[in-house]
C-alpha cells in the first residue's frame, strides 16, 4: 500500500524561499511507487494544497486534511521541509503530536531547543572532545552593557540572531565601534541575540541521520568562502563558496568528528536528518561546535544532497529510508 505523505513547505520567515526549493528537490526524489505526495504550502495567509489543474484547496487544521472534489484526504505522515519558524522551532511538531500524525524531523522539544543557539551550546558543551566558543546571550527585554560585552569577549566577534537560520541578520565585527549596529541588525530578526568570540580554523558541515535503525554520519563538507563568513548569499548562490565533499581530513580526525557528532545527535535526542556545523582549529585538533540545523536545506546547492551523493547513495533511496525510519 502506498503511503499518503504531506510535503509541508513555505513558512513565515525570510527562509520560505529556501523551503520552496528544498521541497522541490524532495518532491522530485520521493519514490512515486511508494508515496502519494501532496505539497502543502504554509504562509501567513493560510495553509493550502495547490493542485496543478485547479484552484488552491485550504487545509482543515482540525485534523490536517484536505478535501478534493468531495473526497477527504488524510495523511499517513508529514515531511516537514520548512526552514525557520514554524517548521524548525517545534511549533508544527507540537501540532502534529497533538493530532497523532508522525513527521520526519526532531520532536517539538529538541526542535525548540536546537533553534536556540545559546541553549543548544549549554546542553552540548560537556560532550567529550567538543569545545564551544565563549559567548554572551542578549534578550530584547533585558538591558545590556556594550562595555561589559567588550570587556568579557575578545574581538573579532560574531553577532547572530539566536533563533535564526541561513545566517540572516548575522555580522562579523572586528572593530568595537561596529558592535552596537551589528546587535541592532540581529535584533531585527529575533528577540534574542548571541555574541560569540571568533574561532579561527577550517569550517565544516556534516549531516547525521538515523537510517535502518543506525545513526549514520554522512561524508563531511569543508566550506571555504572569500567572504568574511558563510552568510545567506554564500550559502545559496552557486559558486560563491568552495565546498569540498568529502573534506580532505585524515582518518583519525574523521573518526573523532564522527564520534562527537553522533554524541550531539544522541544528547539532543535528534531524529531524522540534521546538519552540524563546526570548526576545526589548529592542525585539525580542537572541534568547536557552531550550531545544529534540524531541517537542513535540500536545494540543489545544499550540503545534504552533496553528502548523500558522496556516500554513493541515490537521493531517492535516502528519502525512502528517512521516511521509513521516521514515519514508518
Protein backbone atom coordinates (compact mmCIF):
# COMPACT_ATOMS: atom_id res chain seq x y z
CA UNK A 1 0.00 0.00 0.00
CA UNK A 2 1.26 3.45 -0.92
CA UNK A 3 1.53 5.91 1.95
CA UNK A 4 -0.05 9.35 1.63
CA UNK A 5 2.51 11.97 2.56
CA UNK A 6 2.06 15.72 3.04
CA UNK A 7 5.18 17.63 1.99
CA UNK A 8 4.98 20.82 4.03
CA UNK A 9 6.81 23.86 2.65
CA UNK A 10 6.83 27.65 2.84
CA UNK A 11 6.86 29.20 6.30
CA UNK A 12 6.52 32.62 7.83
CA UNK A 13 10.14 33.85 7.74
CA UNK A 14 12.57 35.01 5.08
CA UNK A 15 13.71 31.41 4.72
CA UNK A 16 10.50 30.40 2.91
CA UNK A 17 12.33 30.89 -0.40
CA UNK A 18 14.81 28.16 0.53
CA UNK A 19 11.99 25.94 1.83
CA UNK A 20 10.25 26.03 -1.54
CA UNK A 21 13.48 24.99 -3.29
CA UNK A 22 14.11 22.22 -0.74
CA UNK A 23 10.58 20.88 -1.21
CA UNK A 24 11.07 20.81 -4.99
CA UNK A 25 14.14 18.55 -4.56
CA UNK A 26 12.35 16.29 -2.08
CA UNK A 27 9.19 16.02 -4.24
CA UNK A 28 11.29 15.12 -7.27
CA UNK A 29 13.08 12.32 -5.42
CA UNK A 30 10.32 10.84 -3.23
CA UNK A 31 9.51 7.44 -4.77
CA UNK A 32 6.17 7.76 -6.60
CA UNK A 33 5.74 3.97 -6.41
CA UNK A 34 5.77 4.13 -2.61
CA UNK A 35 4.24 7.52 -1.81
CA UNK A 36 1.36 9.73 -2.89
CA UNK A 37 2.80 13.17 -2.17
CA UNK A 38 0.72 16.30 -1.67
CA UNK A 39 2.72 19.52 -1.44
CA UNK A 40 1.16 21.81 1.18
CA UNK A 41 2.15 25.49 1.23
CA UNK A 42 2.11 27.24 4.60
CA UNK A 43 2.14 31.06 4.52
CA UNK A 44 0.95 33.99 6.64
CA UNK A 45 -2.28 33.86 4.61
CA UNK A 46 -3.08 30.20 5.30
CA UNK A 47 -2.27 26.53 4.59
CA UNK A 48 -3.10 25.36 1.08
CA UNK A 49 -2.77 22.46 -1.31
CA UNK A 50 -2.45 23.78 -4.84
CA UNK A 51 -3.15 21.13 -7.48
CA UNK A 52 -1.86 21.84 -10.99
CA UNK A 53 -5.30 21.66 -12.54
CA UNK A 54 -7.49 23.67 -10.13
CA UNK A 55 -7.67 26.41 -7.54
CA UNK A 56 -5.89 26.02 -4.22
CA UNK A 57 -7.60 23.99 -1.51
CA UNK A 58 -7.41 25.08 2.12
CA UNK A 59 -6.19 22.60 4.73
CA UNK A 60 -8.63 21.74 7.52
CA UNK A 61 -6.39 22.35 10.53
CA UNK A 62 -8.76 20.49 12.87
CA UNK A 63 -7.39 17.18 11.57
CA UNK A 64 -4.82 18.30 8.95
CA UNK A 65 -6.84 17.04 6.00
CA UNK A 66 -7.81 18.33 2.57
CA UNK A 67 -10.97 17.69 0.58
CA UNK A 68 -10.60 17.21 -3.18
CA UNK A 69 -13.81 17.01 -5.23
CA UNK A 70 -15.74 15.73 -2.22
CA UNK A 71 -13.03 13.19 -1.23
CA UNK A 72 -11.37 13.73 2.15
CA UNK A 73 -7.62 13.07 2.10
CA UNK A 74 -5.91 12.16 5.38
CA UNK A 75 -2.14 11.80 5.70
CA UNK A 76 -0.04 8.89 6.98
CA UNK A 77 2.77 11.29 7.77
CA UNK A 78 4.28 14.70 7.09
CA UNK A 79 7.62 15.53 5.53
CA UNK A 80 8.40 18.92 7.11
CA UNK A 81 10.57 20.98 4.74
CA UNK A 82 10.04 24.38 6.36
CA UNK A 83 13.24 26.15 7.44
CA UNK A 84 12.86 28.61 10.28
CA UNK A 85 9.50 29.14 12.00
CA UNK A 86 7.13 27.33 12.38
CA UNK A 87 8.80 24.23 10.91
CA UNK A 88 12.12 24.20 12.68
CA UNK A 89 11.27 25.62 16.11
CA UNK A 90 8.93 22.90 17.36
CA UNK A 91 5.59 24.63 16.74
CA UNK A 92 4.45 22.33 13.92
CA UNK A 93 5.88 19.29 15.69
CA UNK A 94 3.71 20.04 18.73
CA UNK A 95 0.66 20.43 16.50
CA UNK A 96 1.27 17.09 14.76
CA UNK A 97 2.00 15.39 18.10
CA UNK A 98 -1.44 16.50 19.31
CA UNK A 99 -3.06 15.08 16.16
CA UNK A 100 -1.03 11.86 16.37
CA UNK A 101 0.46 12.32 12.88
CA UNK A 102 4.13 11.23 12.51
CA UNK A 103 6.67 13.51 10.84
CA UNK A 104 10.24 13.39 9.55
CA UNK A 105 12.01 15.77 11.95
CA UNK A 106 13.17 16.01 15.56
CA UNK A 107 10.38 16.24 18.14
CA UNK A 108 8.93 19.51 19.46
CA UNK A 109 11.30 19.88 22.43
CA UNK A 110 14.50 19.09 20.52
CA UNK A 111 13.43 21.36 17.64
CA UNK A 112 12.70 24.26 20.01
CA UNK A 113 15.96 23.89 21.94
CA UNK A 114 18.11 23.37 18.83
CA UNK A 115 16.67 26.51 17.23
CA UNK A 116 18.09 28.47 20.17
CA UNK A 117 21.85 28.55 19.63
CA UNK A 118 22.65 29.65 23.19
CA UNK A 119 20.56 26.91 24.84
CA UNK A 120 21.97 24.28 22.47
CA UNK A 121 25.54 25.20 23.37
CA UNK A 122 24.70 24.90 27.07
CA UNK A 123 23.49 21.32 26.53
CA UNK A 124 26.29 20.04 24.28
CA UNK A 125 29.26 21.73 25.94
CA UNK A 126 30.03 18.76 28.23
CA UNK A 127 30.32 16.28 25.35
CA UNK A 128 33.78 14.71 25.29
CA UNK A 129 36.24 16.39 22.85
CA UNK A 130 33.71 19.14 21.97
CA UNK A 131 34.50 22.84 22.50
CA UNK A 132 32.23 25.88 22.32
CA UNK A 133 33.25 29.49 21.69
CA UNK A 134 32.96 31.93 24.60
CA UNK A 135 29.71 33.85 24.19
CA UNK A 136 27.11 36.25 25.62
CA UNK A 137 23.36 35.87 25.09
CA UNK A 138 21.17 39.01 24.92
CA UNK A 139 17.39 39.37 25.27
CA UNK A 140 15.40 42.27 23.82
CA UNK A 141 13.51 42.76 27.11
CA UNK A 142 16.70 42.99 29.21
CA UNK A 143 19.14 45.92 29.15
CA UNK A 144 22.72 45.09 28.18
CA UNK A 145 26.04 46.89 28.53
CA UNK A 146 28.25 47.28 25.49
CA UNK A 147 31.19 47.88 27.83
CA UNK A 148 30.60 44.59 29.65
CA UNK A 149 30.44 42.73 26.33
CA UNK A 150 33.66 44.37 25.13
CA UNK A 151 35.46 43.55 28.39
CA UNK A 152 34.29 39.92 28.60
CA UNK A 153 34.78 38.89 24.95
CA UNK A 154 37.76 39.33 22.62
CA UNK A 155 37.43 40.71 19.08
CA UNK A 156 36.66 39.67 16.41
CA UNK A 157 33.09 38.68 17.30
CA UNK A 158 30.19 37.01 15.51
CA UNK A 159 26.78 38.51 16.22
CA UNK A 160 23.81 36.37 15.21
CA UNK A 161 20.07 36.08 15.80
CA UNK A 162 19.85 33.33 18.40
CA UNK A 163 16.92 31.52 16.77
CA UNK A 164 17.63 32.32 13.12
CA UNK A 165 18.84 30.08 10.34
CA UNK A 166 20.55 30.58 6.98
CA UNK A 167 22.79 33.29 8.54
CA UNK A 168 20.18 36.05 8.01
CA UNK A 169 20.95 39.05 10.26
CA UNK A 170 24.44 37.79 11.11
CA UNK A 171 27.55 40.02 11.26
CA UNK A 172 31.27 39.70 11.94
CA UNK A 173 32.64 42.58 13.98
CA UNK A 174 36.35 43.41 14.02
CA UNK A 175 36.00 46.97 15.32
CA UNK A 176 34.37 47.67 18.70
CA UNK A 177 32.56 50.70 17.26
CA UNK A 178 30.58 48.42 14.91
CA UNK A 179 29.24 46.26 17.74
CA UNK A 180 26.11 48.32 18.53
CA UNK A 181 24.96 48.38 14.88
CA UNK A 182 25.54 44.63 14.49
CA UNK A 183 23.48 43.88 17.61
CA UNK A 184 20.63 46.10 16.35
CA UNK A 185 20.74 44.31 12.97
CA UNK A 186 20.44 40.91 14.67
CA UNK A 187 17.59 42.11 16.91
CA UNK A 188 15.60 42.96 13.77
CA UNK A 189 15.49 39.20 13.08
CA UNK A 190 15.00 37.87 16.61
CA UNK A 191 14.19 38.71 20.23
CA UNK A 192 17.46 37.05 21.35
CA UNK A 193 20.98 37.65 20.07
CA UNK A 194 24.11 35.53 20.53
CA UNK A 195 27.55 37.18 20.54
CA UNK A 196 30.44 34.75 20.15
CA UNK A 197 34.19 35.03 20.01
CA UNK A 198 35.57 34.28 16.56
CA UNK A 199 37.28 30.90 16.30
CA UNK A 200 40.00 30.72 13.70
CA UNK A 201 40.15 27.49 11.73
CA UNK A 202 38.67 25.46 8.90
CA UNK A 203 34.87 25.37 8.67
CA UNK A 204 32.91 22.18 8.06
CA UNK A 205 29.36 20.89 7.90
CA UNK A 206 28.20 17.30 8.28
CA UNK A 207 24.87 15.54 8.06
CA UNK A 208 23.86 12.99 10.70
CA UNK A 209 20.85 10.77 10.18
CA UNK A 210 19.27 7.63 11.55
CA UNK A 211 18.71 5.11 8.74
CA UNK A 212 17.78 1.45 9.13
CA UNK A 213 17.86 1.94 12.91
CA UNK A 214 21.50 3.09 12.91
CA UNK A 215 23.00 6.58 13.35
CA UNK A 216 24.90 7.37 10.15
CA UNK A 217 27.41 10.19 9.70
CA UNK A 218 27.47 11.44 6.11
CA UNK A 219 30.72 12.47 4.37
CA UNK A 220 31.96 15.81 5.76
CA UNK A 221 31.89 19.00 3.66
CA UNK A 222 34.57 21.68 4.02
CA UNK A 223 33.39 25.23 3.31
CA UNK A 224 35.72 27.94 2.05
CA UNK A 225 34.40 31.35 1.11
CA UNK A 226 36.05 34.58 0.06
CA UNK A 227 33.57 36.41 2.27
CA UNK A 228 34.16 37.08 5.98
CA UNK A 229 31.81 34.25 6.88
CA UNK A 230 29.40 31.79 5.32
CA UNK A 231 26.37 34.09 5.05
CA UNK A 232 22.98 33.71 3.31
CA UNK A 233 24.37 34.86 -0.04
CA UNK A 234 27.34 32.48 0.15
CA UNK A 235 25.08 29.58 1.16
CA UNK A 236 22.57 29.90 -1.64
CA UNK A 237 24.48 31.46 -4.56
CA UNK A 238 26.19 28.82 -6.73
CA UNK A 239 29.93 29.43 -6.98
CA UNK A 240 30.04 31.90 -4.08
CA UNK A 241 31.70 29.36 -1.78
CA UNK A 242 34.03 26.45 -2.42
CA UNK A 243 32.55 23.28 -0.96
CA UNK A 244 34.61 20.10 -0.86
CA UNK A 245 32.79 16.82 -0.20
CA UNK A 246 34.26 14.65 1.18
CA UNK A 247 36.57 17.05 3.02
CA UNK A 248 40.30 16.48 2.98
CA UNK A 249 40.79 15.22 6.53
CA UNK A 250 42.93 12.45 7.92
CA UNK A 251 41.20 9.25 9.05
CA UNK A 252 41.85 9.91 12.76
CA UNK A 253 40.14 13.33 12.56
CA UNK A 254 37.21 11.91 10.57
CA UNK A 255 36.66 9.20 13.19
CA UNK A 256 36.86 11.73 16.03
CA UNK A 257 34.39 14.07 14.31
CA UNK A 258 32.01 11.16 13.67
CA UNK A 259 32.12 10.19 17.35
CA UNK A 260 31.45 13.78 18.50
CA UNK A 261 28.55 14.46 16.11
CA UNK A 262 26.92 11.10 16.91
CA UNK A 263 27.04 12.12 20.58
CA UNK A 264 25.48 15.51 19.74
CA UNK A 265 22.68 13.65 17.89
CA UNK A 266 22.12 11.40 20.93
CA UNK A 267 22.41 14.08 23.65
CA UNK A 268 19.91 16.35 21.84
CA UNK A 269 17.61 13.35 21.18
CA UNK A 270 17.55 14.02 17.43
CA UNK A 271 15.62 12.12 14.78
CA UNK A 272 15.53 12.39 11.02
CA UNK A 273 18.42 14.16 9.29
CA UNK A 274 20.24 17.05 10.94
CA UNK A 275 23.29 19.07 9.92
CA UNK A 276 26.00 20.03 12.36
CA UNK A 277 28.35 22.93 11.57
CA UNK A 278 31.74 23.07 13.26
CA UNK A 279 35.25 24.49 13.07
CA UNK A 280 38.50 22.59 13.45
CA UNK A 281 41.11 24.92 14.89
CA UNK A 282 44.87 24.44 14.87
CA UNK A 283 46.07 21.37 12.99
CA UNK A 284 42.64 19.69 12.99
CA UNK A 285 42.93 19.44 16.78
CA UNK A 286 40.06 21.20 18.55
CA UNK A 287 36.44 20.63 17.47
CA UNK A 288 34.38 23.81 18.00
CA UNK A 289 30.61 23.38 17.77
CA UNK A 290 28.91 26.19 15.81
CA UNK A 291 25.28 25.09 15.52
CA UNK A 292 22.88 22.33 14.60
CA UNK A 293 20.24 22.64 11.90
CA UNK A 294 17.34 20.22 12.42
CA UNK A 295 15.78 20.85 8.98
CA UNK A 296 18.82 21.25 6.73
CA UNK A 297 18.40 22.60 3.21
CA UNK A 298 17.74 20.14 0.41
CA UNK A 299 18.22 22.53 -2.53
CA UNK A 300 20.46 21.70 -5.49
CA UNK A 301 23.37 23.54 -3.80
CA UNK A 302 22.73 22.24 -0.25
CA UNK A 303 25.13 20.09 1.74
CA UNK A 304 22.92 17.06 2.45
CA UNK A 305 22.29 16.14 -1.23
CA UNK A 306 26.04 16.59 -1.86
CA UNK A 307 26.92 14.34 1.06
CA UNK A 308 24.38 11.67 0.14
CA UNK A 309 25.89 11.55 -3.37
CA UNK A 310 29.42 11.36 -1.91
CA UNK A 311 28.48 8.27 0.10
CA UNK A 312 27.24 6.62 -3.11
CA UNK A 313 23.53 6.69 -2.27
CA UNK A 314 20.74 7.96 -4.52
CA UNK A 315 18.53 10.70 -3.07
CA UNK A 316 15.52 8.55 -3.92
CA UNK A 317 16.80 5.77 -1.61
CA UNK A 318 17.88 8.26 1.06
CA UNK A 319 14.44 9.86 1.31
CA UNK A 320 12.74 6.45 1.28
CA UNK A 321 14.88 5.26 4.21
CA UNK A 322 14.34 8.58 6.03
CA UNK A 323 10.54 8.36 5.67
CA UNK A 324 10.57 4.68 6.76
CA UNK A 325 12.64 5.50 9.84
CA UNK A 326 10.54 8.47 10.98
CA UNK A 327 7.02 7.83 9.64
CA UNK A 328 7.02 4.05 9.13
